[in-house]
């Protein structure tokens, strides 16, 4: 089954939230907030932007100061498509490329020393991620007003923190019970 294209909907959401946004600024969104739960590269974003302009989901304008810099705006068609997508039920879980789980799955012997190494590496990565997520939460949501203005984003960040903390607790439990 072909993979569903989600990137256009993410871009529509970004442009809807920040009218008159450049491609560089859209790409930067994947290094900050959205990057905490979805990745996209420059080489994926710009071709998608071109398709979306061709499909009339987005339109572009330029700045009088810099005619080379394109600013993207959502069209009425793009807003309708975004609204329809947001209203669709989420009816499947995503398949993640989780190499830690994949490697762990194939180890048969409970005393295999690779298990400890995998757990140690995964713990370090998740601890680093949890520190980053908590810092983002303090930065982006310093008060109740910030939470109210972007409540969905707040919920996603809180879920990421909870999920990461849960994975760390599971890893500690497994590590403590290894032979």
N, C-alpha and C. Protein backbone atom coordinates (compact mmCIF):
# COMPACT_ATOMS: atom_id res chain seq x y z
N UNK A 1 0.85 -1.17 0.00
CA UNK A 1 0.00 0.00 0.00
C UNK A 1 0.90 1.24 0.00
N UNK A 2 0.62 2.23 -0.87
CA UNK A 2 1.47 3.42 -0.87
C UNK A 2 1.31 4.21 0.42
N UNK A 3 2.40 4.84 0.79
CA UNK A 3 2.42 5.61 2.02
C UNK A 3 1.59 6.89 1.82
N UNK A 4 0.75 7.19 2.82
CA UNK A 4 -0.05 8.40 2.76
C UNK A 4 0.84 9.63 2.89
N UNK A 5 0.56 10.62 2.08
CA UNK A 5 1.31 11.87 2.16
C UNK A 5 0.68 12.74 3.24
N UNK A 6 1.46 13.00 4.28
CA UNK A 6 1.00 13.82 5.40
C UNK A 6 1.62 15.21 5.32
N UNK A 7 2.80 15.31 4.73
CA UNK A 7 3.53 16.57 4.69
C UNK A 7 2.70 17.74 4.17
N UNK A 8 1.89 17.59 3.11
CA UNK A 8 1.11 18.74 2.66
C UNK A 8 0.18 19.30 3.74
N UNK A 9 -0.39 18.42 4.54
CA UNK A 9 -1.31 18.87 5.58
C UNK A 9 -0.56 19.60 6.70
N UNK A 10 0.64 19.11 7.00
CA UNK A 10 1.47 19.79 8.01
C UNK A 10 1.82 21.19 7.51
N UNK A 11 2.22 21.27 6.26
CA UNK A 11 2.58 22.58 5.69
C UNK A 11 1.36 23.51 5.68
N UNK A 12 0.20 22.99 5.31
CA UNK A 12 -1.02 23.82 5.35
C UNK A 12 -1.26 24.35 6.76
N UNK A 13 -1.07 23.50 7.76
CA UNK A 13 -1.26 23.92 9.15
C UNK A 13 -0.28 25.01 9.55
N UNK A 14 0.97 24.85 9.14
CA UNK A 14 1.98 25.86 9.47
C UNK A 14 1.64 27.18 8.82
N UNK A 15 1.31 27.15 7.52
CA UNK A 15 1.00 28.39 6.79
C UNK A 15 -0.28 29.01 7.32
N UNK A 16 -1.25 28.20 7.70
CA UNK A 16 -2.49 28.72 8.27
C UNK A 16 -2.22 29.45 9.59
N UNK A 17 -1.29 28.91 10.38
CA UNK A 17 -0.95 29.53 11.66
C UNK A 17 -0.06 30.76 11.52
N UNK A 18 0.72 30.81 10.44
CA UNK A 18 1.66 31.91 10.26
C UNK A 18 1.59 32.42 8.82
N UNK A 19 0.58 33.23 8.51
CA UNK A 19 0.48 33.76 7.14
C UNK A 19 1.73 34.55 6.77
N UNK A 20 2.04 34.55 5.51
CA UNK A 20 3.22 35.24 4.97
C UNK A 20 4.49 34.66 5.58
N UNK A 21 4.65 33.36 5.41
CA UNK A 21 5.81 32.66 5.94
C UNK A 21 6.68 32.20 4.78
N UNK A 22 7.98 32.28 4.97
CA UNK A 22 8.91 31.88 3.90
C UNK A 22 9.15 30.37 3.96
N UNK A 23 9.68 29.83 2.87
CA UNK A 23 10.05 28.42 2.85
C UNK A 23 11.09 28.11 3.90
N UNK A 24 12.03 29.02 4.11
CA UNK A 24 13.05 28.83 5.13
C UNK A 24 12.41 28.75 6.53
N UNK A 25 11.43 29.59 6.77
CA UNK A 25 10.74 29.57 8.07
C UNK A 25 9.90 28.29 8.24
N UNK A 26 9.30 27.82 7.15
CA UNK A 26 8.56 26.56 7.21
C UNK A 26 9.51 25.42 7.56
N UNK A 27 10.66 25.38 6.88
CA UNK A 27 11.66 24.35 7.14
C UNK A 27 12.13 24.42 8.59
N UNK A 28 12.30 25.63 9.12
CA UNK A 28 12.75 25.80 10.51
C UNK A 28 11.74 25.24 11.51
N UNK A 29 10.46 25.24 11.16
CA UNK A 29 9.44 24.69 12.05
C UNK A 29 9.71 23.21 12.36
N UNK A 30 10.35 22.52 11.41
CA UNK A 30 10.65 21.11 11.60
C UNK A 30 11.89 20.89 12.46
N UNK A 31 12.56 22.00 12.82
CA UNK A 31 13.70 21.92 13.73
C UNK A 31 13.29 22.31 15.14
N UNK A 32 12.08 22.83 15.29
CA UNK A 32 11.64 23.26 16.62
C UNK A 32 10.42 22.45 17.03
N UNK A 33 9.28 23.09 17.14
CA UNK A 33 8.10 22.45 17.72
C UNK A 33 7.66 21.18 16.99
N UNK A 34 7.41 21.27 15.72
CA UNK A 34 6.93 20.10 14.98
C UNK A 34 7.99 19.02 14.93
N UNK A 35 9.25 19.42 14.93
CA UNK A 35 10.35 18.46 14.91
C UNK A 35 10.39 17.54 16.10
N UNK A 36 9.67 17.91 17.16
CA UNK A 36 9.61 17.03 18.33
C UNK A 36 8.81 15.76 18.05
N UNK A 37 7.97 15.80 17.00
CA UNK A 37 7.18 14.60 16.71
C UNK A 37 7.04 14.30 15.22
N UNK A 38 7.59 15.14 14.34
CA UNK A 38 7.53 14.85 12.90
C UNK A 38 8.76 15.45 12.23
N UNK A 39 9.38 14.69 11.37
CA UNK A 39 10.59 15.14 10.68
C UNK A 39 10.30 15.32 9.19
N UNK A 40 10.90 16.36 8.62
CA UNK A 40 10.86 16.57 7.17
C UNK A 40 12.10 17.38 6.80
N UNK A 41 12.68 17.06 5.69
CA UNK A 41 13.91 17.73 5.26
C UNK A 41 13.60 18.81 4.22
N UNK A 42 14.57 19.66 4.04
CA UNK A 42 14.51 20.72 3.03
C UNK A 42 14.16 20.12 1.67
N UNK A 43 14.77 18.97 1.35
CA UNK A 43 14.55 18.34 0.04
C UNK A 43 13.15 17.75 -0.10
N UNK A 44 12.42 17.59 1.00
CA UNK A 44 11.03 17.14 0.93
C UNK A 44 10.09 18.35 0.89
N UNK A 45 10.42 19.38 1.63
CA UNK A 45 9.52 20.52 1.82
C UNK A 45 9.37 21.36 0.55
N UNK A 46 10.48 21.72 -0.08
CA UNK A 46 10.39 22.63 -1.23
C UNK A 46 9.66 22.02 -2.43
N UNK A 47 9.88 20.76 -2.78
CA UNK A 47 9.07 20.18 -3.87
C UNK A 47 7.58 20.14 -3.50
N UNK A 48 7.29 19.87 -2.22
CA UNK A 48 5.91 19.86 -1.78
C UNK A 48 5.29 21.25 -1.89
N UNK A 49 6.04 22.27 -1.52
CA UNK A 49 5.54 23.65 -1.65
C UNK A 49 5.20 23.96 -3.12
N UNK A 50 6.06 23.54 -4.04
CA UNK A 50 5.79 23.77 -5.47
C UNK A 50 4.50 23.07 -5.90
N UNK A 51 4.34 21.81 -5.47
CA UNK A 51 3.10 21.07 -5.82
C UNK A 51 1.87 21.79 -5.25
N UNK A 52 1.99 22.27 -4.03
CA UNK A 52 0.85 22.89 -3.37
C UNK A 52 0.48 24.22 -4.04
N UNK A 53 1.47 24.94 -4.53
CA UNK A 53 1.19 26.16 -5.30
C UNK A 53 0.54 25.78 -6.62
N UNK A 54 1.07 24.76 -7.30
CA UNK A 54 0.49 24.29 -8.57
C UNK A 54 -0.95 23.82 -8.38
N UNK A 55 -1.22 23.18 -7.23
CA UNK A 55 -2.57 22.68 -6.94
C UNK A 55 -3.49 23.78 -6.38
N UNK A 56 -2.94 24.97 -6.21
CA UNK A 56 -3.67 26.14 -5.70
C UNK A 56 -4.13 25.98 -4.26
N UNK A 57 -3.35 25.23 -3.48
CA UNK A 57 -3.58 25.15 -2.04
C UNK A 57 -2.89 26.32 -1.35
N UNK A 58 -1.80 26.77 -1.96
CA UNK A 58 -1.04 27.91 -1.47
C UNK A 58 -0.82 28.89 -2.62
N UNK A 59 -0.57 30.12 -2.25
CA UNK A 59 -0.17 31.12 -3.22
C UNK A 59 1.09 31.78 -2.68
N UNK A 60 1.81 32.47 -3.55
CA UNK A 60 3.04 33.12 -3.11
C UNK A 60 3.00 34.61 -3.42
N UNK A 61 3.79 35.31 -2.66
CA UNK A 61 4.01 36.74 -2.88
C UNK A 61 5.48 36.99 -2.56
N UNK A 62 5.98 38.14 -2.96
CA UNK A 62 7.36 38.48 -2.66
C UNK A 62 7.41 39.78 -1.87
N UNK A 63 8.53 40.01 -1.26
CA UNK A 63 8.74 41.22 -0.47
C UNK A 63 9.33 42.30 -1.37
N UNK A 64 8.93 43.56 -1.19
CA UNK A 64 9.55 44.63 -1.96
C UNK A 64 11.06 44.75 -1.68
N UNK A 65 11.48 44.33 -0.49
CA UNK A 65 12.90 44.41 -0.14
C UNK A 65 13.72 43.27 -0.76
N UNK A 66 13.08 42.15 -1.03
CA UNK A 66 13.80 40.99 -1.56
C UNK A 66 12.88 40.20 -2.48
N UNK A 67 12.94 40.48 -3.76
CA UNK A 67 12.05 39.84 -4.73
C UNK A 67 12.32 38.35 -4.89
N UNK A 68 13.48 37.86 -4.43
CA UNK A 68 13.79 36.43 -4.53
C UNK A 68 13.14 35.61 -3.43
N UNK A 69 12.80 36.26 -2.32
CA UNK A 69 12.23 35.55 -1.18
C UNK A 69 10.73 35.40 -1.38
N UNK A 70 10.25 34.13 -1.42
CA UNK A 70 8.82 33.85 -1.57
C UNK A 70 8.17 33.75 -0.20
N UNK A 71 6.99 34.33 -0.10
CA UNK A 71 6.17 34.19 1.09
C UNK A 71 4.93 33.38 0.71
N UNK A 72 4.62 32.41 1.53
CA UNK A 72 3.50 31.51 1.23
C UNK A 72 2.28 31.91 2.03
N UNK A 73 1.12 31.85 1.37
CA UNK A 73 -0.16 32.13 1.99
C UNK A 73 -1.11 31.00 1.63
N UNK A 74 -1.98 30.64 2.56
CA UNK A 74 -2.95 29.58 2.30
C UNK A 74 -4.11 30.16 1.50
N UNK A 75 -4.60 29.42 0.52
CA UNK A 75 -5.74 29.85 -0.27
C UNK A 75 -7.02 29.34 0.40
N UNK A 76 -8.16 29.77 -0.10
CA UNK A 76 -9.44 29.26 0.41
C UNK A 76 -9.52 27.75 0.19
N UNK A 77 -9.05 27.28 -0.96
CA UNK A 77 -9.03 25.85 -1.24
C UNK A 77 -8.14 25.13 -0.24
N UNK A 78 -6.96 25.67 0.01
CA UNK A 78 -6.04 25.08 0.97
C UNK A 78 -6.65 25.02 2.36
N UNK A 79 -7.35 26.07 2.77
CA UNK A 79 -7.98 26.09 4.09
C UNK A 79 -9.09 25.05 4.17
N UNK A 80 -9.85 24.88 3.09
CA UNK A 80 -10.89 23.84 3.07
C UNK A 80 -10.28 22.45 3.21
N UNK A 81 -9.18 22.22 2.50
CA UNK A 81 -8.51 20.92 2.55
C UNK A 81 -7.96 20.67 3.95
N UNK A 82 -7.35 21.70 4.54
CA UNK A 82 -6.84 21.56 5.91
C UNK A 82 -7.97 21.27 6.89
N UNK A 83 -9.06 22.02 6.78
CA UNK A 83 -10.20 21.82 7.69
C UNK A 83 -10.78 20.41 7.54
N UNK A 84 -10.87 19.92 6.31
CA UNK A 84 -11.39 18.57 6.07
C UNK A 84 -10.45 17.53 6.68
N UNK A 85 -9.15 17.71 6.50
CA UNK A 85 -8.17 16.77 7.05
C UNK A 85 -8.21 16.77 8.58
N UNK A 86 -8.30 17.96 9.18
CA UNK A 86 -8.36 18.05 10.64
C UNK A 86 -9.61 17.37 11.19
N UNK A 87 -10.68 17.35 10.42
CA UNK A 87 -11.92 16.73 10.86
C UNK A 87 -11.98 15.23 10.68
N UNK A 88 -11.04 14.67 9.92
CA UNK A 88 -11.00 13.22 9.69
C UNK A 88 -10.52 12.49 10.94
N UNK A 89 -11.15 11.38 11.24
CA UNK A 89 -10.74 10.57 12.40
C UNK A 89 -9.37 9.95 12.14
N UNK A 90 -8.59 9.82 13.18
CA UNK A 90 -7.31 9.11 13.11
C UNK A 90 -7.63 7.64 13.35
N UNK A 91 -7.52 6.83 12.29
CA UNK A 91 -7.97 5.46 12.38
C UNK A 91 -6.87 4.43 12.23
N UNK A 92 -5.62 4.88 12.34
CA UNK A 92 -4.52 3.92 12.27
C UNK A 92 -3.35 4.46 13.08
N UNK A 93 -2.57 3.54 13.58
CA UNK A 93 -1.37 3.94 14.29
C UNK A 93 -0.23 4.05 13.29
N UNK A 94 0.66 5.00 13.49
CA UNK A 94 1.79 5.09 12.57
C UNK A 94 2.79 3.96 12.83
N UNK A 95 3.48 3.58 11.80
CA UNK A 95 4.55 2.59 11.93
C UNK A 95 5.85 3.38 12.06
N UNK A 96 6.52 3.20 13.17
CA UNK A 96 7.76 3.92 13.41
C UNK A 96 8.95 3.04 13.02
N UNK A 97 10.01 3.67 12.61
CA UNK A 97 11.24 2.95 12.36
C UNK A 97 12.04 2.98 13.65
N UNK A 98 11.74 2.08 14.52
CA UNK A 98 12.33 2.02 15.84
C UNK A 98 13.40 0.93 15.83
N UNK A 99 14.65 1.32 15.55
CA UNK A 99 15.73 0.35 15.44
C UNK A 99 16.05 -0.31 16.77
N UNK A 100 15.88 0.42 17.86
CA UNK A 100 16.11 -0.16 19.19
C UNK A 100 15.21 -1.38 19.38
N UNK A 101 13.91 -1.21 19.14
CA UNK A 101 12.97 -2.32 19.31
C UNK A 101 13.27 -3.45 18.34
N UNK A 102 13.60 -3.09 17.12
CA UNK A 102 13.88 -4.10 16.11
C UNK A 102 15.08 -4.95 16.52
N UNK A 103 16.16 -4.32 16.98
CA UNK A 103 17.35 -5.06 17.40
C UNK A 103 17.05 -5.91 18.64
N UNK A 104 16.37 -5.30 19.59
CA UNK A 104 16.02 -6.02 20.82
C UNK A 104 15.18 -7.27 20.49
N UNK A 105 14.28 -7.13 19.55
CA UNK A 105 13.39 -8.21 19.14
C UNK A 105 14.16 -9.46 18.72
N UNK A 106 15.30 -9.27 18.07
CA UNK A 106 16.04 -10.40 17.51
C UNK A 106 17.06 -11.01 18.47
N UNK A 107 17.20 -10.47 19.67
CA UNK A 107 18.13 -11.06 20.64
C UNK A 107 17.36 -12.12 21.44
N UNK A 108 17.90 -13.34 21.43
CA UNK A 108 17.19 -14.47 22.05
C UNK A 108 17.58 -14.71 23.50
N UNK A 109 18.86 -14.59 23.80
CA UNK A 109 19.40 -14.95 25.11
C UNK A 109 19.26 -13.78 26.10
N UNK A 110 18.57 -14.00 27.23
CA UNK A 110 18.38 -12.91 28.19
C UNK A 110 19.68 -12.41 28.82
N UNK A 111 20.77 -13.19 28.73
CA UNK A 111 22.04 -12.73 29.29
C UNK A 111 22.97 -12.14 28.22
N UNK A 112 22.45 -11.93 27.01
CA UNK A 112 23.24 -11.36 25.93
C UNK A 112 23.69 -9.95 26.33
N UNK A 113 25.01 -9.69 26.33
CA UNK A 113 25.51 -8.38 26.77
C UNK A 113 25.06 -7.22 25.87
N UNK A 114 24.63 -7.53 24.68
CA UNK A 114 24.14 -6.46 23.78
C UNK A 114 22.88 -5.81 24.31
N UNK A 115 22.11 -6.55 25.13
CA UNK A 115 20.89 -5.97 25.70
C UNK A 115 21.25 -4.79 26.59
N UNK A 116 22.24 -4.97 27.47
CA UNK A 116 22.65 -3.87 28.36
C UNK A 116 23.12 -2.66 27.55
N UNK A 117 23.88 -2.94 26.50
CA UNK A 117 24.39 -1.83 25.68
C UNK A 117 23.24 -1.10 24.97
N UNK A 118 22.32 -1.86 24.42
CA UNK A 118 21.16 -1.24 23.78
C UNK A 118 20.37 -0.39 24.78
N UNK A 119 20.16 -0.93 25.97
CA UNK A 119 19.40 -0.21 26.99
C UNK A 119 20.14 1.06 27.42
N UNK A 120 21.45 0.95 27.60
CA UNK A 120 22.24 2.11 28.02
C UNK A 120 22.18 3.22 26.96
N UNK A 121 22.33 2.85 25.72
CA UNK A 121 22.29 3.84 24.63
C UNK A 121 20.91 4.46 24.50
N UNK A 122 19.89 3.62 24.55
CA UNK A 122 18.51 4.12 24.44
C UNK A 122 18.17 5.02 25.61
N UNK A 123 18.62 4.65 26.81
CA UNK A 123 18.37 5.47 28.00
C UNK A 123 19.01 6.85 27.84
N UNK A 124 20.23 6.89 27.37
CA UNK A 124 20.92 8.18 27.17
C UNK A 124 20.18 9.04 26.15
N UNK A 125 19.76 8.42 25.06
CA UNK A 125 19.04 9.17 24.02
C UNK A 125 17.70 9.71 24.55
N UNK A 126 16.98 8.86 25.26
CA UNK A 126 15.68 9.28 25.78
C UNK A 126 15.82 10.33 26.89
N UNK A 127 16.86 10.21 27.71
CA UNK A 127 17.08 11.22 28.75
C UNK A 127 17.38 12.58 28.12
N UNK A 128 18.17 12.56 27.07
CA UNK A 128 18.48 13.79 26.34
C UNK A 128 17.20 14.37 25.72
N UNK A 129 16.38 13.52 25.16
CA UNK A 129 15.12 13.96 24.57
C UNK A 129 14.19 14.53 25.63
N UNK A 130 14.10 13.86 26.78
CA UNK A 130 13.23 14.34 27.85
C UNK A 130 13.67 15.70 28.37
N UNK A 131 14.96 15.89 28.51
CA UNK A 131 15.49 17.20 28.93
C UNK A 131 15.10 18.27 27.92
N UNK A 132 15.25 17.96 26.64
CA UNK A 132 14.88 18.91 25.58
C UNK A 132 13.38 19.22 25.62
N UNK A 133 12.55 18.19 25.73
CA UNK A 133 11.11 18.39 25.74
C UNK A 133 10.66 19.24 26.93
N UNK A 134 11.23 18.98 28.09
CA UNK A 134 10.87 19.77 29.28
C UNK A 134 11.31 21.22 29.13
N UNK A 135 12.47 21.42 28.53
CA UNK A 135 12.93 22.79 28.28
C UNK A 135 12.00 23.50 27.30
N UNK A 136 11.59 22.80 26.25
CA UNK A 136 10.65 23.38 25.28
C UNK A 136 9.35 23.75 25.97
N UNK A 137 8.88 22.89 26.87
CA UNK A 137 7.64 23.17 27.58
C UNK A 137 7.77 24.44 28.42
N UNK A 138 8.89 24.59 29.11
CA UNK A 138 9.10 25.81 29.92
C UNK A 138 9.21 27.05 29.03
N UNK A 139 9.85 26.91 27.88
CA UNK A 139 10.05 28.05 26.98
C UNK A 139 8.77 28.45 26.26
N UNK A 140 8.09 27.48 25.68
CA UNK A 140 6.93 27.76 24.84
C UNK A 140 5.68 28.02 25.67
N UNK A 141 5.59 27.41 26.84
CA UNK A 141 4.39 27.54 27.68
C UNK A 141 4.74 28.04 29.08
N UNK A 142 5.21 29.29 29.18
CA UNK A 142 5.63 29.81 30.47
C UNK A 142 4.47 30.14 31.41
N UNK A 143 3.25 30.24 30.85
CA UNK A 143 2.10 30.61 31.68
C UNK A 143 0.82 30.04 31.09
N UNK A 144 -0.26 30.18 31.84
CA UNK A 144 -1.55 29.62 31.41
C UNK A 144 -2.06 30.26 30.12
N UNK A 145 -1.75 31.52 29.89
CA UNK A 145 -2.20 32.19 28.65
C UNK A 145 -1.57 31.52 27.43
N UNK A 146 -0.29 31.21 27.52
CA UNK A 146 0.39 30.55 26.40
C UNK A 146 -0.23 29.17 26.14
N UNK A 147 -0.58 28.47 27.20
CA UNK A 147 -1.21 27.15 27.05
C UNK A 147 -2.56 27.31 26.36
N UNK A 148 -3.35 28.28 26.78
CA UNK A 148 -4.68 28.49 26.21
C UNK A 148 -4.61 28.86 24.73
N UNK A 149 -3.63 29.67 24.36
CA UNK A 149 -3.51 30.11 22.95
C UNK A 149 -3.14 28.97 22.00
N UNK A 150 -2.41 27.98 22.51
CA UNK A 150 -1.93 26.89 21.66
C UNK A 150 -2.14 25.56 22.38
N UNK A 151 -3.38 25.31 22.76
CA UNK A 151 -3.68 24.17 23.63
C UNK A 151 -3.33 22.83 22.99
N UNK A 152 -3.63 22.66 21.71
CA UNK A 152 -3.31 21.40 21.04
C UNK A 152 -1.81 21.13 21.06
N UNK A 153 -1.01 22.15 20.79
CA UNK A 153 0.44 22.02 20.82
C UNK A 153 0.89 21.64 22.24
N UNK A 154 0.29 22.28 23.23
CA UNK A 154 0.61 21.97 24.63
C UNK A 154 0.33 20.49 24.94
N UNK A 155 -0.82 20.01 24.48
CA UNK A 155 -1.18 18.61 24.73
C UNK A 155 -0.19 17.64 24.09
N UNK A 156 0.24 17.95 22.86
CA UNK A 156 1.18 17.08 22.16
C UNK A 156 2.52 17.06 22.89
N UNK A 157 2.96 18.22 23.35
CA UNK A 157 4.22 18.29 24.08
C UNK A 157 4.12 17.53 25.40
N UNK A 158 2.99 17.68 26.09
CA UNK A 158 2.79 16.96 27.35
C UNK A 158 2.77 15.45 27.10
N UNK A 159 2.15 15.03 26.00
CA UNK A 159 2.12 13.60 25.66
C UNK A 159 3.53 13.08 25.38
N UNK A 160 4.32 13.87 24.65
CA UNK A 160 5.69 13.46 24.34
C UNK A 160 6.52 13.31 25.62
N UNK A 161 6.32 14.22 26.56
CA UNK A 161 7.03 14.14 27.84
C UNK A 161 6.60 12.89 28.60
N UNK A 162 5.31 12.65 28.66
CA UNK A 162 4.79 11.47 29.36
C UNK A 162 5.28 10.18 28.72
N UNK A 163 5.23 10.11 27.40
CA UNK A 163 5.67 8.91 26.68
C UNK A 163 7.16 8.65 26.91
N UNK A 164 7.96 9.70 26.83
CA UNK A 164 9.41 9.55 27.01
C UNK A 164 9.73 9.14 28.44
N UNK A 165 9.07 9.77 29.42
CA UNK A 165 9.28 9.40 30.82
C UNK A 165 8.87 7.94 31.05
N UNK A 166 7.78 7.51 30.43
CA UNK A 166 7.34 6.13 30.54
C UNK A 166 8.33 5.15 29.94
N UNK A 167 8.90 5.50 28.80
CA UNK A 167 9.91 4.64 28.19
C UNK A 167 11.14 4.53 29.08
N UNK A 168 11.54 5.64 29.69
CA UNK A 168 12.69 5.62 30.59
C UNK A 168 12.42 4.73 31.81
N UNK A 169 11.21 4.82 32.36
CA UNK A 169 10.85 3.99 33.50
C UNK A 169 10.88 2.50 33.11
N UNK A 170 10.38 2.19 31.92
CA UNK A 170 10.39 0.81 31.44
C UNK A 170 11.83 0.32 31.27
N UNK A 171 12.69 1.16 30.67
CA UNK A 171 14.10 0.76 30.49
C UNK A 171 14.79 0.52 31.82
N UNK A 172 14.52 1.36 32.81
CA UNK A 172 15.12 1.18 34.14
C UNK A 172 14.65 -0.14 34.74
N UNK A 173 13.38 -0.43 34.63
CA UNK A 173 12.84 -1.69 35.16
C UNK A 173 13.48 -2.89 34.48
N UNK A 174 13.58 -2.84 33.16
CA UNK A 174 14.19 -3.95 32.42
C UNK A 174 15.65 -4.08 32.83
N UNK A 175 16.37 -2.97 32.87
CA UNK A 175 17.79 -3.00 33.25
C UNK A 175 18.00 -3.55 34.65
N UNK A 176 17.14 -3.17 35.57
CA UNK A 176 17.25 -3.66 36.96
C UNK A 176 16.99 -5.15 37.06
N UNK A 177 16.25 -5.71 36.12
CA UNK A 177 15.88 -7.13 36.18
C UNK A 177 16.68 -8.03 35.25
N UNK A 178 17.71 -7.47 34.61
CA UNK A 178 18.54 -8.29 33.73
C UNK A 178 19.40 -9.25 34.53
N UNK A 179 19.71 -10.38 33.94
CA UNK A 179 20.56 -11.39 34.60
C UNK A 179 22.01 -10.97 34.53
